[in-house]
Amino acid sequence: MNQIIALVAASSLILPLIYTFIFLIKNQINPPNKNYQANGTLMIIIKETIS
């Protein structure tokens, strides 16, 4: 019983780290597209509220 609890506790700490490393490696191999276009009307509204 103690071994099962220890395995569950250890996996709850280790699995998120493994998932994070896999996600980082995946993003290094295939970086996400950073070609975002801002909506023109939204930019006009933001400029008007700032000034």
Protein backbone atom coordinates (compact mmCIF):
# COMPACT_ATOMS: atom_id res chain seq x y z
CA MET A 1 0.00 0.00 0.00
CA ASN A 2 2.84 2.39 0.83
CA GLN A 3 4.50 1.70 -2.52
CA ILE A 4 1.30 2.51 -4.41
CA ILE A 5 0.92 5.82 -2.56
CA ALA A 6 4.59 6.61 -3.21
CA LEU A 7 4.22 5.85 -6.93
CA VAL A 8 1.13 8.05 -7.21
CA ALA A 9 2.88 10.89 -5.39
CA ALA A 10 6.03 10.58 -7.45
CA SER A 11 4.13 10.41 -10.75
CA SER A 12 2.08 13.48 -9.84
CA LEU A 13 5.34 15.40 -9.48
CA ILE A 14 7.24 13.90 -12.42
CA LEU A 15 4.57 13.71 -15.13
CA PRO A 16 4.00 17.50 -15.39
CA LEU A 17 7.75 17.98 -15.79
CA ILE A 18 7.89 15.39 -18.55
CA TYR A 19 4.89 16.98 -20.26
CA THR A 20 6.54 20.43 -20.06
CA PHE A 21 9.77 19.16 -21.60
CA ILE A 22 7.89 17.42 -24.42
CA PHE A 23 5.92 20.62 -25.09
CA LEU A 24 9.12 22.71 -25.15
CA ILE A 25 10.90 20.31 -27.50
CA LYS A 26 7.85 20.23 -29.79
CA ASN A 27 7.81 24.03 -29.97
CA GLN A 28 11.53 24.11 -30.76
CA ILE A 29 11.06 21.69 -33.66
CA ASN A 30 7.87 23.30 -35.03
CA PRO A 31 7.64 26.87 -33.74
CA PRO A 32 4.14 28.36 -33.69
CA ASN A 33 3.19 30.86 -36.37
CA LYS A 34 3.77 34.38 -35.03
CA ASN A 35 2.22 36.19 -37.97
CA TYR A 36 -0.64 37.78 -36.09
CA GLN A 37 -2.67 40.52 -37.75
CA ALA A 38 -4.38 43.06 -35.58
CA ASN A 39 -7.90 44.05 -36.46
CA GLY A 40 -7.80 47.56 -38.00
CA THR A 41 -10.98 48.80 -36.33
CA LEU A 42 -9.82 47.56 -32.96
CA MET A 43 -6.56 49.48 -33.32
CA ILE A 44 -8.49 52.66 -34.22
CA ILE A 45 -10.68 52.28 -31.14
CA ILE A 46 -7.63 51.73 -28.93
CA LYS A 47 -5.90 54.82 -30.36
CA GLU A 48 -9.01 56.95 -29.78
CA THR A 49 -9.36 55.85 -26.17
CA ILE A 50 -5.68 56.49 -25.43
CA SER A 51 -5.69 60.02 -26.83
